[in-house]
Amino acid sequence: MLNEPTNVCLFGAGGHGRVVAAIAHKIWPRAELCFGDQQRPLGTPVGALSIRFSKLEDIVDHAIITTIGNTVARKACMQHAARLGLPFATLIANPDTYYAKPPGAGSMALSAVVVNPGAQIGAGVILNSGAIVEHDCVIGDYCHLAPGAVVLGDCTLGNEVWLGANATILQGLSITDNVTIGAGSVVTANITETGTYVGQPARKISHISTLSPHSKAD
């Protein structure tokens, strides 16, 4: 589905980065992979790779994929990279279960993800392990679907929506921008206001999303 890149820098060497690196090794066997990270010294080993770049400005001859789980930090990193003119890699762990058009720049679909026909996946999106996006859904930029999250058919998620592990969005619903849905929650009605929602059915518990720049989410 996607051409294999030649050189890829995974920018962000935390736990999420190590997961992406393991998948990248498998699906891009000929690519030269390395990490970039602003917090760790150059040369620090990270699994089988090491930190080669400490700043986006230093990256040359590499496509990047921003392996930062935190939505606010990932968005800022990708926007900075775009201003620098860096190319983005896009990762799909299993093309055999990805039936839609390719996702937007810098997005990733990790192990056991299913994306069904007609779905549209924006830029900078993380579809984490085992997430399911059913037919004709629209997933906005910088969303993160945690492991096991399910979005049923004909749903629309705005930008910067976080679905917690095993959260479910029922058929045909829409969620506005900058919303957090707690782990295991079930969304049964449209969400039109920014905030954090939890429960079965999901209820608003805060007018601030945990993805807000003012929150303390890691």
N, C-alpha and C. Protein backbone atom coordinates (compact mmCIF):
# COMPACT_ATOMS: atom_id res chain seq x y z
N MET A 1 0.83 -1.21 0.00
CA MET A 1 0.00 0.00 0.00
C MET A 1 0.86 1.26 0.00
N LEU A 2 1.90 1.28 0.85
CA LEU A 2 2.78 2.43 0.96
C LEU A 2 4.19 2.01 0.58
N ASN A 3 4.90 2.89 -0.10
CA ASN A 3 6.27 2.59 -0.46
C ASN A 3 7.14 2.55 0.78
N GLU A 4 8.11 1.63 0.78
CA GLU A 4 9.03 1.54 1.91
C GLU A 4 10.00 2.70 1.86
N PRO A 5 10.12 3.47 2.96
CA PRO A 5 11.09 4.57 2.97
C PRO A 5 12.51 4.03 3.09
N THR A 6 13.47 4.85 2.73
CA THR A 6 14.87 4.45 2.78
C THR A 6 15.47 4.68 4.16
N ASN A 7 15.32 5.89 4.67
CA ASN A 7 15.85 6.26 5.99
C ASN A 7 14.71 6.87 6.80
N VAL A 8 14.54 6.41 8.03
CA VAL A 8 13.45 6.90 8.87
C VAL A 8 13.98 7.23 10.25
N CYS A 9 13.64 8.43 10.72
CA CYS A 9 13.92 8.83 12.10
C CYS A 9 12.61 8.78 12.88
N LEU A 10 12.60 7.97 13.92
CA LEU A 10 11.47 7.91 14.84
C LEU A 10 11.72 8.95 15.92
N PHE A 11 10.95 10.03 15.90
CA PHE A 11 11.23 11.13 16.82
C PHE A 11 10.38 10.98 18.07
N GLY A 12 11.04 10.56 19.14
CA GLY A 12 10.39 10.26 20.41
C GLY A 12 10.76 8.85 20.83
N ALA A 13 11.67 8.72 21.81
CA ALA A 13 12.25 7.42 22.14
C ALA A 13 11.70 6.84 23.44
N GLY A 14 10.44 7.12 23.74
CA GLY A 14 9.80 6.53 24.91
C GLY A 14 9.18 5.18 24.59
N GLY A 15 8.24 4.75 25.43
CA GLY A 15 7.62 3.45 25.25
C GLY A 15 6.90 3.30 23.93
N HIS A 16 6.16 4.33 23.54
CA HIS A 16 5.45 4.26 22.25
C HIS A 16 6.45 4.16 21.11
N GLY A 17 7.55 4.89 21.20
CA GLY A 17 8.57 4.83 20.17
C GLY A 17 9.15 3.44 20.02
N ARG A 18 9.37 2.75 21.13
CA ARG A 18 9.92 1.40 21.06
C ARG A 18 8.96 0.43 20.38
N VAL A 19 7.65 0.61 20.63
CA VAL A 19 6.65 -0.23 19.96
C VAL A 19 6.69 0.01 18.45
N VAL A 20 6.72 1.27 18.06
CA VAL A 20 6.74 1.60 16.63
C VAL A 20 8.02 1.09 15.99
N ALA A 21 9.15 1.19 16.70
CA ALA A 21 10.42 0.71 16.16
C ALA A 21 10.36 -0.78 15.88
N ALA A 22 9.76 -1.56 16.77
CA ALA A 22 9.66 -3.01 16.56
C ALA A 22 8.85 -3.32 15.30
N ILE A 23 7.77 -2.58 15.09
CA ILE A 23 6.96 -2.79 13.89
C ILE A 23 7.71 -2.34 12.65
N ALA A 24 8.36 -1.18 12.74
CA ALA A 24 9.09 -0.65 11.59
C ALA A 24 10.18 -1.61 11.13
N HIS A 25 10.88 -2.22 12.08
CA HIS A 25 11.91 -3.21 11.72
C HIS A 25 11.32 -4.34 10.87
N LYS A 26 10.10 -4.71 11.22
CA LYS A 26 9.48 -5.85 10.55
C LYS A 26 8.94 -5.50 9.18
N ILE A 27 8.32 -4.34 9.04
CA ILE A 27 7.66 -4.00 7.77
C ILE A 27 8.57 -3.24 6.81
N TRP A 28 9.65 -2.65 7.35
CA TRP A 28 10.62 -1.95 6.50
C TRP A 28 11.99 -2.57 6.69
N PRO A 29 12.21 -3.80 6.29
CA PRO A 29 13.46 -4.51 6.61
C PRO A 29 14.70 -3.88 5.98
N ARG A 30 14.53 -3.12 4.92
CA ARG A 30 15.70 -2.53 4.25
C ARG A 30 15.94 -1.08 4.66
N ALA A 31 15.06 -0.53 5.44
CA ALA A 31 15.20 0.88 5.82
C ALA A 31 16.24 1.06 6.92
N GLU A 32 16.94 2.17 6.88
CA GLU A 32 17.83 2.55 7.98
C GLU A 32 17.01 3.32 9.00
N LEU A 33 16.92 2.80 10.21
CA LEU A 33 16.11 3.40 11.25
C LEU A 33 16.97 3.98 12.35
N CYS A 34 16.50 5.06 12.93
CA CYS A 34 17.17 5.64 14.10
C CYS A 34 16.13 6.39 14.91
N PHE A 35 16.53 6.82 16.09
CA PHE A 35 15.66 7.64 16.93
C PHE A 35 16.16 9.08 16.96
N GLY A 36 15.21 9.98 17.15
CA GLY A 36 15.50 11.34 17.54
C GLY A 36 14.81 11.61 18.87
N ASP A 37 15.43 12.39 19.73
CA ASP A 37 14.83 12.66 21.02
C ASP A 37 15.51 13.88 21.64
N GLN A 38 14.69 14.79 22.16
CA GLN A 38 15.24 16.01 22.74
C GLN A 38 15.70 15.83 24.18
N GLN A 39 15.30 14.75 24.83
CA GLN A 39 15.55 14.59 26.25
C GLN A 39 16.73 13.67 26.56
N ARG A 40 17.16 12.85 25.61
CA ARG A 40 18.19 11.86 25.85
C ARG A 40 19.46 12.20 25.08
N PRO A 41 20.63 11.88 25.62
CA PRO A 41 21.89 12.20 24.94
C PRO A 41 22.03 11.45 23.61
N LEU A 42 22.73 12.08 22.68
CA LEU A 42 23.05 11.40 21.42
C LEU A 42 23.80 10.11 21.71
N GLY A 43 23.49 9.08 20.92
CA GLY A 43 24.15 7.80 21.08
C GLY A 43 23.51 6.87 22.09
N THR A 44 22.54 7.37 22.87
CA THR A 44 21.87 6.51 23.84
C THR A 44 21.20 5.34 23.14
N PRO A 45 21.48 4.10 23.54
CA PRO A 45 20.81 2.97 22.91
C PRO A 45 19.34 2.90 23.32
N VAL A 46 18.48 2.59 22.36
CA VAL A 46 17.05 2.39 22.60
C VAL A 46 16.68 1.10 21.88
N GLY A 47 16.70 -0.02 22.61
CA GLY A 47 16.54 -1.30 21.95
C GLY A 47 17.68 -1.53 20.99
N ALA A 48 17.34 -1.91 19.78
CA ALA A 48 18.35 -2.17 18.75
C ALA A 48 18.81 -0.89 18.06
N LEU A 49 18.19 0.24 18.36
CA LEU A 49 18.53 1.51 17.72
C LEU A 49 19.24 2.42 18.71
N SER A 50 19.53 3.63 18.25
CA SER A 50 20.14 4.61 19.15
C SER A 50 19.66 6.00 18.77
N ILE A 51 19.91 6.97 19.67
CA ILE A 51 19.54 8.36 19.41
C ILE A 51 20.57 8.97 18.47
N ARG A 52 20.11 9.37 17.30
CA ARG A 52 21.02 9.97 16.33
C ARG A 52 20.83 11.48 16.23
N PHE A 53 19.62 11.96 16.48
CA PHE A 53 19.33 13.39 16.37
C PHE A 53 18.68 13.88 17.65
N SER A 54 19.09 15.06 18.10
CA SER A 54 18.48 15.64 19.29
C SER A 54 17.51 16.77 18.95
N LYS A 55 17.58 17.28 17.73
CA LYS A 55 16.69 18.35 17.30
C LYS A 55 16.18 18.05 15.90
N LEU A 56 14.97 18.47 15.64
CA LEU A 56 14.43 18.31 14.28
C LEU A 56 15.29 19.03 13.26
N GLU A 57 15.85 20.16 13.68
CA GLU A 57 16.66 20.96 12.74
C GLU A 57 17.89 20.21 12.25
N ASP A 58 18.32 19.19 13.00
CA ASP A 58 19.53 18.44 12.64
C ASP A 58 19.26 17.29 11.67
N ILE A 59 17.99 16.96 11.44
CA ILE A 59 17.67 15.79 10.63
C ILE A 59 17.87 16.07 9.15
N VAL A 60 18.65 15.22 8.52
CA VAL A 60 18.87 15.31 7.07
C VAL A 60 18.73 13.91 6.48
N ASP A 61 18.23 13.85 5.26
CA ASP A 61 18.13 12.60 4.50
C ASP A 61 17.31 11.53 5.21
N HIS A 62 16.38 11.92 6.05
CA HIS A 62 15.49 10.98 6.73
C HIS A 62 14.06 11.50 6.64
N ALA A 63 13.13 10.59 6.39
CA ALA A 63 11.74 10.88 6.69
C ALA A 63 11.54 10.71 8.19
N ILE A 64 10.55 11.35 8.74
CA ILE A 64 10.31 11.20 10.17
C ILE A 64 8.91 10.66 10.41
N ILE A 65 8.79 9.95 11.52
CA ILE A 65 7.49 9.60 12.06
C ILE A 65 7.55 9.95 13.54
N THR A 66 6.60 10.75 13.98
CA THR A 66 6.65 11.28 15.34
C THR A 66 6.06 10.27 16.30
N THR A 67 6.91 9.61 17.05
CA THR A 67 6.50 8.52 17.94
C THR A 67 6.32 9.03 19.36
N ILE A 68 5.45 10.00 19.50
CA ILE A 68 5.12 10.61 20.78
C ILE A 68 3.64 10.37 21.02
N GLY A 69 3.31 9.67 22.11
CA GLY A 69 1.92 9.35 22.36
C GLY A 69 1.08 10.54 22.75
N ASN A 70 1.64 11.48 23.52
CA ASN A 70 0.91 12.65 23.96
C ASN A 70 0.48 13.50 22.77
N THR A 71 -0.80 13.76 22.66
CA THR A 71 -1.35 14.44 21.48
C THR A 71 -0.81 15.85 21.32
N VAL A 72 -0.78 16.61 22.41
CA VAL A 72 -0.31 18.00 22.31
C VAL A 72 1.14 18.05 21.86
N ALA A 73 1.98 17.21 22.45
CA ALA A 73 3.40 17.19 22.09
C ALA A 73 3.60 16.68 20.65
N ARG A 74 2.83 15.65 20.26
CA ARG A 74 2.96 15.12 18.90
C ARG A 74 2.58 16.17 17.86
N LYS A 75 1.49 16.87 18.11
CA LYS A 75 1.04 17.91 17.18
C LYS A 75 2.10 19.01 17.05
N ALA A 76 2.64 19.47 18.18
CA ALA A 76 3.65 20.53 18.13
C ALA A 76 4.89 20.07 17.37
N CYS A 77 5.32 18.84 17.61
CA CYS A 77 6.49 18.30 16.92
C CYS A 77 6.24 18.22 15.42
N MET A 78 5.08 17.71 15.04
CA MET A 78 4.79 17.56 13.61
C MET A 78 4.66 18.91 12.92
N GLN A 79 4.05 19.87 13.58
CA GLN A 79 3.93 21.19 12.97
C GLN A 79 5.29 21.85 12.79
N HIS A 80 6.19 21.66 13.76
CA HIS A 80 7.54 22.17 13.64
C HIS A 80 8.27 21.49 12.48
N ALA A 81 8.13 20.16 12.40
CA ALA A 81 8.76 19.42 11.30
C ALA A 81 8.25 19.88 9.95
N ALA A 82 6.95 20.16 9.86
CA ALA A 82 6.38 20.63 8.59
C ALA A 82 6.95 21.99 8.21
N ARG A 83 7.12 22.86 9.19
CA ARG A 83 7.72 24.17 8.90
C ARG A 83 9.14 24.04 8.39
N LEU A 84 9.85 23.01 8.86
CA LEU A 84 11.22 22.76 8.42
C LEU A 84 11.27 22.05 7.06
N GLY A 85 10.12 21.62 6.58
CA GLY A 85 10.07 20.93 5.29
C GLY A 85 10.47 19.47 5.35
N LEU A 86 10.44 18.86 6.53
CA LEU A 86 10.82 17.45 6.64
C LEU A 86 9.71 16.56 6.11
N PRO A 87 10.05 15.50 5.40
CA PRO A 87 9.03 14.56 4.92
C PRO A 87 8.59 13.63 6.04
N PHE A 88 7.32 13.23 5.99
CA PHE A 88 6.77 12.32 6.99
C PHE A 88 6.63 10.91 6.43
N ALA A 89 6.95 9.94 7.26
CA ALA A 89 6.65 8.54 6.95
C ALA A 89 5.30 8.20 7.55
N THR A 90 4.63 7.22 6.95
CA THR A 90 3.35 6.72 7.44
C THR A 90 3.46 5.22 7.59
N LEU A 91 3.00 4.68 8.72
CA LEU A 91 3.23 3.28 9.04
C LEU A 91 1.91 2.53 9.18
N ILE A 92 1.80 1.41 8.49
CA ILE A 92 0.65 0.50 8.63
C ILE A 92 1.21 -0.88 8.90
N ALA A 93 0.98 -1.38 10.12
CA ALA A 93 1.58 -2.65 10.52
C ALA A 93 1.06 -3.82 9.68
N ASN A 94 -0.23 -3.81 9.38
CA ASN A 94 -0.82 -4.93 8.65
C ASN A 94 -1.73 -4.42 7.53
N PRO A 95 -1.18 -4.23 6.34
CA PRO A 95 -2.00 -3.76 5.21
C PRO A 95 -3.17 -4.68 4.88
N ASP A 96 -3.08 -5.95 5.27
CA ASP A 96 -4.15 -6.91 4.95
C ASP A 96 -5.45 -6.60 5.69
N THR A 97 -5.40 -5.82 6.75
CA THR A 97 -6.64 -5.45 7.46
C THR A 97 -6.89 -3.95 7.41
N TYR A 98 -6.24 -3.28 6.46
CA TYR A 98 -6.43 -1.84 6.26
C TYR A 98 -7.06 -1.68 4.89
N TYR A 99 -8.38 -1.46 4.85
CA TYR A 99 -9.14 -1.52 3.60
C TYR A 99 -9.51 -0.14 3.05
N ALA A 100 -9.06 0.91 3.69
CA ALA A 100 -9.40 2.27 3.28
C ALA A 100 -8.23 2.89 2.52
N LYS A 101 -8.41 4.14 2.08
CA LYS A 101 -7.31 4.88 1.49
C LYS A 101 -6.22 5.11 2.54
N PRO A 102 -4.97 5.30 2.11
CA PRO A 102 -3.90 5.52 3.08
C PRO A 102 -4.20 6.70 4.01
N PRO A 103 -3.72 6.63 5.23
CA PRO A 103 -3.97 7.71 6.19
C PRO A 103 -3.16 8.95 5.85
N GLY A 104 -3.43 10.03 6.58
CA GLY A 104 -2.70 11.27 6.39
C GLY A 104 -1.26 11.16 6.83
N ALA A 105 -0.50 12.20 6.52
CA ALA A 105 0.94 12.23 6.77
C ALA A 105 1.24 11.96 8.24
N GLY A 106 2.23 11.07 8.47
CA GLY A 106 2.72 10.82 9.81
C GLY A 106 1.81 10.00 10.69
N SER A 107 0.77 9.41 10.13
CA SER A 107 -0.14 8.57 10.92
C SER A 107 0.38 7.15 11.00
N MET A 108 -0.17 6.38 11.95
CA MET A 108 0.29 5.00 12.11
C MET A 108 -0.87 4.12 12.56
N ALA A 109 -0.90 2.91 12.01
CA ALA A 109 -1.85 1.88 12.42
C ALA A 109 -1.02 0.71 12.92
N LEU A 110 -1.07 0.44 14.21
CA LEU A 110 -0.19 -0.54 14.82
C LEU A 110 -0.79 -1.95 14.73
N SER A 111 -0.22 -2.88 15.45
CA SER A 111 -0.57 -4.30 15.30
C SER A 111 -2.05 -4.55 15.56
N ALA A 112 -2.64 -5.42 14.73
CA ALA A 112 -4.02 -5.90 14.86
C ALA A 112 -5.07 -4.81 14.67
N VAL A 113 -4.72 -3.70 14.06
CA VAL A 113 -5.68 -2.65 13.75
C VAL A 113 -6.50 -3.07 12.53
N VAL A 114 -7.79 -2.73 12.55
CA VAL A 114 -8.66 -2.93 11.40
C VAL A 114 -9.25 -1.59 11.01
N VAL A 115 -9.10 -1.23 9.73
CA VAL A 115 -9.73 -0.02 9.19
C VAL A 115 -10.53 -0.45 7.97
N ASN A 116 -11.83 -0.27 8.02
CA ASN A 116 -12.70 -0.80 6.98
C ASN A 116 -13.01 0.20 5.87
N PRO A 117 -13.60 -0.27 4.76
CA PRO A 117 -13.76 0.57 3.56
C PRO A 117 -14.50 1.88 3.84
N GLY A 118 -14.05 2.91 3.14
CA GLY A 118 -14.68 4.21 3.23
C GLY A 118 -14.21 5.07 4.38
N ALA A 119 -13.41 4.51 5.27
CA ALA A 119 -12.90 5.31 6.40
C ALA A 119 -11.85 6.30 5.91
N GLN A 120 -11.77 7.43 6.58
CA GLN A 120 -10.78 8.46 6.27
C GLN A 120 -10.02 8.77 7.56
N ILE A 121 -8.70 8.60 7.49
CA ILE A 121 -7.84 8.81 8.66
C ILE A 121 -6.97 10.03 8.41
N GLY A 122 -7.00 10.99 9.32
CA GLY A 122 -6.28 12.24 9.14
C GLY A 122 -4.78 12.11 9.38
N ALA A 123 -4.13 13.26 9.54
CA ALA A 123 -2.68 13.32 9.74
C ALA A 123 -2.35 13.22 11.23
N GLY A 124 -1.19 12.62 11.52
CA GLY A 124 -0.71 12.55 12.89
C GLY A 124 -1.56 11.70 13.80
N VAL A 125 -2.29 10.73 13.23
CA VAL A 125 -3.19 9.88 14.00
C VAL A 125 -2.46 8.63 14.48
N ILE A 126 -2.75 8.20 15.70
CA ILE A 126 -2.28 6.91 16.21
C ILE A 126 -3.49 5.99 16.35
N LEU A 127 -3.48 4.92 15.58
CA LEU A 127 -4.43 3.83 15.77
C LEU A 127 -3.65 2.74 16.50
N ASN A 128 -3.84 2.67 17.79
CA ASN A 128 -3.00 1.80 18.61
C ASN A 128 -3.48 0.36 18.53
N SER A 129 -2.73 -0.52 19.16
CA SER A 129 -2.90 -1.97 18.98
C SER A 129 -4.35 -2.41 19.13
N GLY A 130 -4.86 -3.09 18.12
CA GLY A 130 -6.19 -3.67 18.19
C GLY A 130 -7.34 -2.71 18.02
N ALA A 131 -7.09 -1.45 17.70
CA ALA A 131 -8.18 -0.50 17.47
C ALA A 131 -8.94 -0.87 16.19
N ILE A 132 -10.23 -0.55 16.16
CA ILE A 132 -11.07 -0.83 15.00
C ILE A 132 -11.78 0.44 14.57
N VAL A 133 -11.64 0.77 13.29
CA VAL A 133 -12.37 1.88 12.69
C VAL A 133 -13.26 1.28 11.61
N GLU A 134 -14.56 1.34 11.83
CA GLU A 134 -15.49 0.70 10.90
C GLU A 134 -15.73 1.57 9.67
N HIS A 135 -16.58 1.07 8.79
CA HIS A 135 -16.79 1.67 7.47
C HIS A 135 -17.26 3.12 7.55
N ASP A 136 -16.74 3.93 6.63
CA ASP A 136 -17.21 5.30 6.37
C ASP A 136 -17.05 6.25 7.55
N CYS A 137 -16.12 5.94 8.44
CA CYS A 137 -15.82 6.87 9.53
C CYS A 137 -14.82 7.93 9.07
N VAL A 138 -14.85 9.06 9.74
CA VAL A 138 -13.86 10.12 9.54
C VAL A 138 -13.15 10.35 10.87
N ILE A 139 -11.83 10.18 10.86
CA ILE A 139 -11.02 10.38 12.06
C ILE A 139 -10.15 11.59 11.82
N GLY A 140 -10.32 12.64 12.62
CA GLY A 140 -9.62 13.90 12.39
C GLY A 140 -8.14 13.83 12.73
N ASP A 141 -7.46 14.93 12.46
CA ASP A 141 -6.02 15.01 12.68
C ASP A 141 -5.67 14.88 14.17
N TYR A 142 -4.55 14.21 14.43
CA TYR A 142 -3.95 14.09 15.76
C TYR A 142 -4.84 13.34 16.77
N CYS A 143 -5.74 12.53 16.27
CA CYS A 143 -6.49 11.67 17.19
C CYS A 143 -5.60 10.52 17.66
N HIS A 144 -5.99 9.93 18.79
CA HIS A 144 -5.30 8.74 19.31
C HIS A 144 -6.36 7.76 19.77
N LEU A 145 -6.44 6.62 19.11
CA LEU A 145 -7.31 5.54 19.52
C LEU A 145 -6.45 4.54 20.28
N ALA A 146 -6.66 4.44 21.59
CA ALA A 146 -5.86 3.57 22.44
C ALA A 146 -6.18 2.11 22.14
N PRO A 147 -5.37 1.17 22.67
CA PRO A 147 -5.60 -0.25 22.37
C PRO A 147 -7.03 -0.69 22.63
N GLY A 148 -7.59 -1.37 21.62
CA GLY A 148 -8.92 -1.94 21.75
C GLY A 148 -10.08 -0.98 21.53
N ALA A 149 -9.81 0.29 21.25
CA ALA A 149 -10.89 1.25 21.01
C ALA A 149 -11.63 0.88 19.73
N VAL A 150 -12.94 1.10 19.72
CA VAL A 150 -13.78 0.74 18.57
C VAL A 150 -14.63 1.93 18.18
N VAL A 151 -14.58 2.29 16.89
CA VAL A 151 -15.43 3.33 16.33
C VAL A 151 -16.33 2.65 15.30
N LEU A 152 -17.62 2.58 15.60
CA LEU A 152 -18.54 1.89 14.70
C LEU A 152 -18.84 2.75 13.46
N GLY A 153 -19.54 2.18 12.51
CA GLY A 153 -19.67 2.78 11.19
C GLY A 153 -20.30 4.16 11.18
N ASP A 154 -19.87 4.97 10.19
CA ASP A 154 -20.45 6.29 9.90
C ASP A 154 -20.23 7.31 11.01
N CYS A 155 -19.23 7.11 11.84
CA CYS A 155 -18.92 8.08 12.89
C CYS A 155 -17.94 9.13 12.39
N THR A 156 -17.95 10.28 13.04
CA THR A 156 -17.00 11.35 12.75
C THR A 156 -16.35 11.81 14.04
N LEU A 157 -15.02 11.73 14.08
CA LEU A 157 -14.25 12.26 15.21
C LEU A 157 -13.54 13.51 14.74
N GLY A 158 -13.65 14.59 15.52
CA GLY A 158 -12.95 15.82 15.19
C GLY A 158 -11.46 15.68 15.42
N ASN A 159 -10.77 16.78 15.41
CA ASN A 159 -9.33 16.77 15.63
C ASN A 159 -9.01 16.61 17.11
N GLU A 160 -7.90 15.93 17.40
CA GLU A 160 -7.36 15.79 18.76
C GLU A 160 -8.35 15.12 19.72
N VAL A 161 -8.94 14.06 19.25
CA VAL A 161 -9.82 13.25 20.10
C VAL A 161 -9.02 12.05 20.60
N TRP A 162 -9.11 11.79 21.89
CA TRP A 162 -8.44 10.65 22.50
C TRP A 162 -9.51 9.67 22.95
N LEU A 163 -9.43 8.44 22.45
CA LEU A 163 -10.30 7.37 22.93
C LEU A 163 -9.46 6.46 23.80
N GLY A 164 -9.86 6.28 25.05
CA GLY A 164 -9.14 5.41 25.96
C GLY A 164 -9.27 3.95 25.58
N ALA A 165 -8.49 3.12 26.22
CA ALA A 165 -8.47 1.70 25.92
C ALA A 165 -9.88 1.10 26.04
N ASN A 166 -10.27 0.36 25.00
CA ASN A 166 -11.56 -0.35 24.95
C ASN A 166 -12.78 0.57 24.98
N ALA A 167 -12.59 1.84 24.71
CA ALA A 167 -13.74 2.74 24.54
C ALA A 167 -14.48 2.38 23.25
N THR A 168 -15.78 2.64 23.21
CA THR A 168 -16.60 2.34 22.04
C THR A 168 -17.45 3.55 21.67
N ILE A 169 -17.46 3.89 20.39
CA ILE A 169 -18.32 4.94 19.87
C ILE A 169 -19.39 4.26 19.03
N LEU A 170 -20.66 4.42 19.40
CA LEU A 170 -21.73 3.73 18.70
C LEU A 170 -22.00 4.34 17.32
N GLN A 171 -22.69 3.58 16.51
CA GLN A 171 -22.91 3.86 15.10
C GLN A 171 -23.43 5.27 14.84
N GLY A 172 -22.80 5.94 13.86
CA GLY A 172 -23.32 7.17 13.31
C GLY A 172 -23.14 8.41 14.16
N LEU A 173 -22.36 8.35 15.22
CA LEU A 173 -22.22 9.50 16.11
C LEU A 173 -21.06 10.40 15.70
N SER A 174 -21.08 11.62 16.22
CA SER A 174 -19.99 12.57 15.97
C SER A 174 -19.47 13.10 17.30
N ILE A 175 -18.16 13.37 17.31
CA ILE A 175 -17.48 13.92 18.49
C ILE A 175 -16.72 15.15 18.04
N THR A 176 -16.89 16.24 18.75
CA THR A 176 -16.22 17.49 18.38
C THR A 176 -14.73 17.42 18.69
N ASP A 177 -14.00 18.49 18.37
CA ASP A 177 -12.56 18.55 18.59
C ASP A 177 -12.22 18.51 20.08
N ASN A 178 -10.99 18.02 20.37
CA ASN A 178 -10.38 18.14 21.70
C ASN A 178 -11.25 17.54 22.79
N VAL A 179 -11.54 16.26 22.61
CA VAL A 179 -12.35 15.51 23.57
C VAL A 179 -11.58 14.28 24.02
N THR A 180 -11.68 13.96 25.30
CA THR A 180 -11.12 12.73 25.85
C THR A 180 -12.26 11.82 26.27
N ILE A 181 -12.21 10.57 25.82
CA ILE A 181 -13.17 9.55 26.23
C ILE A 181 -12.42 8.54 27.09
N GLY A 182 -12.88 8.32 28.30
CA GLY A 182 -12.18 7.46 29.24
C GLY A 182 -12.18 6.00 28.83
N ALA A 183 -11.22 5.26 29.36
CA ALA A 183 -11.09 3.84 29.07
C ALA A 183 -12.37 3.10 29.42
N GLY A 184 -12.81 2.22 28.51
CA GLY A 184 -13.99 1.40 28.74
C GLY A 184 -15.31 2.13 28.59
N SER A 185 -15.28 3.40 28.27
CA SER A 185 -16.52 4.17 28.14
C SER A 185 -17.25 3.83 26.85
N VAL A 186 -18.56 4.08 26.85
CA VAL A 186 -19.39 3.86 25.67
C VAL A 186 -20.11 5.16 25.34
N VAL A 187 -19.83 5.70 24.17
CA VAL A 187 -20.47 6.94 23.74
C VAL A 187 -21.75 6.58 23.00
N THR A 188 -22.89 7.07 23.50
CA THR A 188 -24.19 6.72 22.96
C THR A 188 -24.92 7.90 22.33
N ALA A 189 -24.31 9.10 22.38
CA ALA A 189 -24.93 10.29 21.81
C ALA A 189 -23.83 11.20 21.29
N ASN A 190 -24.19 12.10 20.37
CA ASN A 190 -23.21 13.04 19.85
C ASN A 190 -22.59 13.85 20.98
N ILE A 191 -21.31 14.18 20.82
CA ILE A 191 -20.61 15.04 21.78
C ILE A 191 -20.26 16.33 21.07
N THR A 192 -20.84 17.43 21.54
CA THR A 192 -20.69 18.73 20.87
C THR A 192 -19.86 19.71 21.67
N GLU A 193 -19.43 19.33 22.88
CA GLU A 193 -18.66 20.23 23.73
C GLU A 193 -17.33 19.58 24.10
N THR A 194 -16.26 20.36 24.03
CA THR A 194 -14.95 19.91 24.47
C THR A 194 -15.00 19.48 25.93
N GLY A 195 -14.24 18.45 26.27
CA GLY A 195 -14.18 18.02 27.66
C GLY A 195 -13.77 16.57 27.79
N THR A 196 -13.90 16.06 29.00
CA THR A 196 -13.58 14.67 29.30
C THR A 196 -14.88 13.95 29.67
N TYR A 197 -15.06 12.77 29.07
CA TYR A 197 -16.29 12.01 29.24
C TYR A 197 -15.94 10.58 29.66
N VAL A 198 -16.66 10.04 30.63
CA VAL A 198 -16.40 8.68 31.08
C VAL A 198 -17.72 7.99 31.38
N GLY A 199 -17.69 6.66 31.38
CA GLY A 199 -18.83 5.88 31.82
C GLY A 199 -19.56 5.18 30.70
N GLN A 200 -20.60 4.43 31.10
CA GLN A 200 -21.43 3.66 30.18
C GLN A 200 -22.90 3.95 30.51
N PRO A 201 -23.53 4.91 29.85
CA PRO A 201 -23.02 5.72 28.75
C PRO A 201 -22.08 6.82 29.23
N ALA A 202 -21.28 7.33 28.32
CA ALA A 202 -20.29 8.35 28.67
C ALA A 202 -20.97 9.66 29.08
N ARG A 203 -20.52 10.20 30.21
CA ARG A 203 -21.02 11.47 30.72
C ARG A 203 -19.86 12.43 30.92
N LYS A 204 -20.13 13.71 30.75
CA LYS A 204 -19.09 14.72 30.91
C LYS A 204 -18.73 14.90 32.38
N ILE A 205 -17.42 14.82 32.67
CA ILE A 205 -16.97 15.03 34.05
C ILE A 205 -16.11 16.27 34.19
N SER A 206 -15.68 16.83 33.07
CA SER A 206 -14.86 18.04 33.11
C SER A 206 -15.02 18.78 31.79
N HIS A 207 -15.00 20.11 31.85
CA HIS A 207 -15.07 20.88 30.61
C HIS A 207 -13.70 20.96 29.94
N ILE A 208 -12.66 20.43 30.60
CA ILE A 208 -11.31 20.41 30.04
C ILE A 208 -10.96 18.99 29.63
N SER A 209 -10.54 18.84 28.38
CA SER A 209 -10.03 17.55 27.94
C SER A 209 -8.68 17.31 28.59
N THR A 210 -8.37 16.06 28.90
CA THR A 210 -7.04 15.77 29.43
C THR A 210 -5.97 15.99 28.39
N LEU A 211 -6.37 16.25 27.13
CA LEU A 211 -5.40 16.56 26.08
C LEU A 211 -5.16 18.05 25.96
N SER A 212 -5.84 18.86 26.76
CA SER A 212 -5.66 20.30 26.70
C SER A 212 -4.22 20.68 26.98
N PRO A 213 -3.71 21.74 26.32
CA PRO A 213 -2.36 22.23 26.66
C PRO A 213 -2.22 22.62 28.11
N HIS A 214 -3.35 22.84 28.80
CA HIS A 214 -3.29 23.26 30.21
C HIS A 214 -3.37 22.09 31.17
N SER A 215 -3.55 20.88 30.63
CA SER A 215 -3.63 19.70 31.50
C SER A 215 -2.24 19.21 31.84
N LYS A 216 -2.19 18.22 32.76
CA LYS A 216 -0.91 17.66 33.18
C LYS A 216 -0.69 16.28 32.60
N ALA A 217 -1.42 15.92 31.54
CA ALA A 217 -1.26 14.60 30.94
C ALA A 217 0.14 14.45 30.38
N ASP A 218 0.76 13.28 30.58
CA ASP A 218 2.11 13.02 30.06
C ASP A 218 2.05 12.71 28.57
